[in-house]
Amino acid sequence: MLYRLPDETTDEENLFDSGLDSMRLMMLMERWRDAGAEVSFVELAEQPTLGHWVKLVAGRDG
């Protein structure tokens, strides 16, 4: 997953199947929290797709 171009990943692709692991997910979550996003590890891990994550963050954006 780390060595793919953005257009090589779809919104509904399972990112764990593409190489994302729990440690990298924790790192992403912490960065997003530092930027003001209120997301939990469980929410991200339950549906590990870009489409779901965008909806999570956008739905809570003020």
N, C-alpha and C. Protein backbone atom coordinates (compact mmCIF):
# COMPACT_ATOMS: atom_id res chain seq x y z
N MET A 1 0.81 -1.19 0.00
CA MET A 1 0.00 0.00 0.00
C MET A 1 0.86 1.26 0.00
N LEU A 2 1.94 1.25 0.65
CA LEU A 2 2.75 2.45 0.75
C LEU A 2 3.36 2.87 -0.58
N TYR A 3 3.50 1.96 -1.49
CA TYR A 3 4.17 2.26 -2.74
C TYR A 3 3.21 2.28 -3.92
N ARG A 4 2.02 2.80 -3.69
CA ARG A 4 1.00 2.88 -4.74
C ARG A 4 0.63 4.33 -4.98
N LEU A 5 0.32 4.63 -6.22
CA LEU A 5 -0.16 5.96 -6.56
C LEU A 5 -1.61 6.10 -6.11
N PRO A 6 -2.05 7.32 -5.80
CA PRO A 6 -3.43 7.51 -5.35
C PRO A 6 -4.48 6.96 -6.32
N ASP A 7 -4.24 7.06 -7.61
CA ASP A 7 -5.24 6.59 -8.57
C ASP A 7 -5.24 5.06 -8.72
N GLU A 8 -4.37 4.38 -7.98
CA GLU A 8 -4.35 2.92 -8.00
C GLU A 8 -5.19 2.31 -6.88
N THR A 9 -5.84 3.15 -6.09
CA THR A 9 -6.68 2.70 -4.99
C THR A 9 -8.09 3.25 -5.18
N THR A 10 -9.09 2.39 -5.04
CA THR A 10 -10.48 2.84 -5.17
C THR A 10 -11.03 3.22 -3.80
N ASP A 11 -12.15 3.92 -3.80
CA ASP A 11 -12.78 4.34 -2.55
C ASP A 11 -13.30 3.17 -1.73
N GLU A 12 -13.58 2.05 -2.37
CA GLU A 12 -14.17 0.91 -1.67
C GLU A 12 -13.20 -0.25 -1.44
N GLU A 13 -11.96 -0.08 -1.81
CA GLU A 13 -10.96 -1.13 -1.63
C GLU A 13 -10.61 -1.28 -0.15
N ASN A 14 -10.55 -2.51 0.33
CA ASN A 14 -10.16 -2.78 1.71
C ASN A 14 -8.66 -2.51 1.84
N LEU A 15 -8.32 -1.52 2.64
CA LEU A 15 -6.92 -1.10 2.73
C LEU A 15 -6.06 -2.10 3.49
N PHE A 16 -6.65 -2.92 4.36
CA PHE A 16 -5.88 -3.98 5.01
C PHE A 16 -5.46 -5.03 3.98
N ASP A 17 -6.34 -5.31 3.03
CA ASP A 17 -6.00 -6.26 1.96
C ASP A 17 -4.90 -5.71 1.05
N SER A 18 -4.75 -4.39 1.05
CA SER A 18 -3.75 -3.74 0.20
C SER A 18 -2.43 -3.47 0.92
N GLY A 19 -2.32 -3.94 2.16
CA GLY A 19 -1.05 -3.82 2.86
C GLY A 19 -1.04 -2.92 4.09
N LEU A 20 -2.13 -2.23 4.36
CA LEU A 20 -2.18 -1.42 5.57
C LEU A 20 -2.21 -2.34 6.79
N ASP A 21 -1.46 -1.99 7.82
CA ASP A 21 -1.51 -2.78 9.05
C ASP A 21 -1.95 -1.89 10.21
N SER A 22 -2.19 -2.49 11.36
CA SER A 22 -2.74 -1.75 12.49
C SER A 22 -1.80 -0.66 12.99
N MET A 23 -0.52 -0.86 12.92
CA MET A 23 0.42 0.17 13.36
C MET A 23 0.36 1.40 12.46
N ARG A 24 0.28 1.18 11.16
CA ARG A 24 0.17 2.31 10.24
C ARG A 24 -1.17 3.02 10.41
N LEU A 25 -2.21 2.25 10.67
CA LEU A 25 -3.51 2.86 10.91
C LEU A 25 -3.47 3.73 12.16
N MET A 26 -2.80 3.27 13.20
CA MET A 26 -2.65 4.08 14.42
C MET A 26 -1.91 5.38 14.12
N MET A 27 -0.88 5.31 13.30
CA MET A 27 -0.13 6.51 12.94
C MET A 27 -1.01 7.49 12.17
N LEU A 28 -1.79 6.98 11.21
CA LEU A 28 -2.71 7.84 10.47
C LEU A 28 -3.73 8.48 11.40
N MET A 29 -4.30 7.68 12.29
CA MET A 29 -5.31 8.17 13.21
C MET A 29 -4.74 9.30 14.08
N GLU A 30 -3.55 9.13 14.59
CA GLU A 30 -2.93 10.16 15.42
C GLU A 30 -2.69 11.45 14.64
N ARG A 31 -2.26 11.33 13.41
CA ARG A 31 -2.06 12.53 12.58
C ARG A 31 -3.39 13.25 12.34
N TRP A 32 -4.42 12.47 12.05
CA TRP A 32 -5.73 13.08 11.81
C TRP A 32 -6.27 13.72 13.08
N ARG A 33 -6.06 13.09 14.22
CA ARG A 33 -6.48 13.69 15.49
C ARG A 33 -5.71 14.98 15.76
N ASP A 34 -4.42 14.97 15.49
CA ASP A 34 -3.62 16.19 15.66
C ASP A 34 -4.13 17.32 14.78
N ALA A 35 -4.71 16.97 13.64
CA ALA A 35 -5.26 17.96 12.71
C ALA A 35 -6.71 18.34 13.06
N GLY A 36 -7.26 17.72 14.11
CA GLY A 36 -8.60 18.09 14.56
C GLY A 36 -9.70 17.09 14.27
N ALA A 37 -9.40 16.00 13.60
CA ALA A 37 -10.43 15.00 13.29
C ALA A 37 -10.71 14.16 14.54
N GLU A 38 -11.98 13.89 14.78
CA GLU A 38 -12.38 13.07 15.93
C GLU A 38 -12.76 11.69 15.44
N VAL A 39 -11.77 10.85 15.26
CA VAL A 39 -12.00 9.49 14.78
C VAL A 39 -11.34 8.51 15.74
N SER A 40 -11.91 7.32 15.82
CA SER A 40 -11.33 6.29 16.69
C SER A 40 -10.73 5.17 15.84
N PHE A 41 -9.84 4.44 16.45
CA PHE A 41 -9.23 3.31 15.78
C PHE A 41 -10.29 2.30 15.35
N VAL A 42 -11.24 2.03 16.23
CA VAL A 42 -12.29 1.04 15.93
C VAL A 42 -13.10 1.48 14.72
N GLU A 43 -13.49 2.75 14.66
CA GLU A 43 -14.27 3.24 13.51
C GLU A 43 -13.51 3.05 12.21
N LEU A 44 -12.23 3.34 12.23
CA LEU A 44 -11.42 3.21 11.02
C LEU A 44 -11.19 1.75 10.66
N ALA A 45 -10.94 0.91 11.66
CA ALA A 45 -10.62 -0.49 11.40
C ALA A 45 -11.84 -1.31 10.98
N GLU A 46 -13.03 -0.93 11.46
CA GLU A 46 -14.23 -1.69 11.11
C GLU A 46 -14.55 -1.62 9.62
N GLN A 47 -14.29 -0.48 9.01
CA GLN A 47 -14.52 -0.32 7.57
C GLN A 47 -13.30 0.38 6.98
N PRO A 48 -12.27 -0.38 6.67
CA PRO A 48 -11.01 0.21 6.23
C PRO A 48 -10.99 0.57 4.74
N THR A 49 -11.86 1.49 4.36
CA THR A 49 -11.88 1.98 2.98
C THR A 49 -11.76 3.50 2.99
N LEU A 50 -11.17 4.05 1.94
CA LEU A 50 -11.06 5.50 1.84
C LEU A 50 -12.43 6.16 1.83
N GLY A 51 -13.37 5.54 1.13
CA GLY A 51 -14.72 6.10 1.06
C GLY A 51 -15.35 6.25 2.43
N HIS A 52 -15.23 5.24 3.26
CA HIS A 52 -15.79 5.29 4.61
C HIS A 52 -15.06 6.34 5.45
N TRP A 53 -13.75 6.38 5.35
CA TRP A 53 -12.99 7.32 6.15
C TRP A 53 -13.30 8.76 5.79
N VAL A 54 -13.47 9.04 4.51
CA VAL A 54 -13.83 10.40 4.08
C VAL A 54 -15.19 10.79 4.67
N LYS A 55 -16.15 9.87 4.63
CA LYS A 55 -17.47 10.14 5.20
C LYS A 55 -17.38 10.37 6.71
N LEU A 56 -16.57 9.59 7.40
CA LEU A 56 -16.40 9.77 8.84
C LEU A 56 -15.88 11.16 9.17
N VAL A 57 -14.82 11.55 8.51
CA VAL A 57 -14.20 12.84 8.79
C VAL A 57 -15.08 13.99 8.32
N ALA A 58 -15.63 13.89 7.12
CA ALA A 58 -16.46 14.97 6.58
C ALA A 58 -17.75 15.13 7.37
N GLY A 59 -18.30 14.03 7.87
CA GLY A 59 -19.54 14.09 8.62
C GLY A 59 -19.39 14.77 9.95
N ARG A 60 -18.20 14.90 10.43
CA ARG A 60 -17.95 15.52 11.73
C ARG A 60 -17.29 16.88 11.59
N ASP A 61 -17.15 17.32 10.38
CA ASP A 61 -16.46 18.59 10.12
C ASP A 61 -17.43 19.74 10.29
N GLY A 62 -17.57 20.20 11.53
CA GLY A 62 -18.34 21.36 11.90
C GLY A 62 -19.66 21.48 11.31
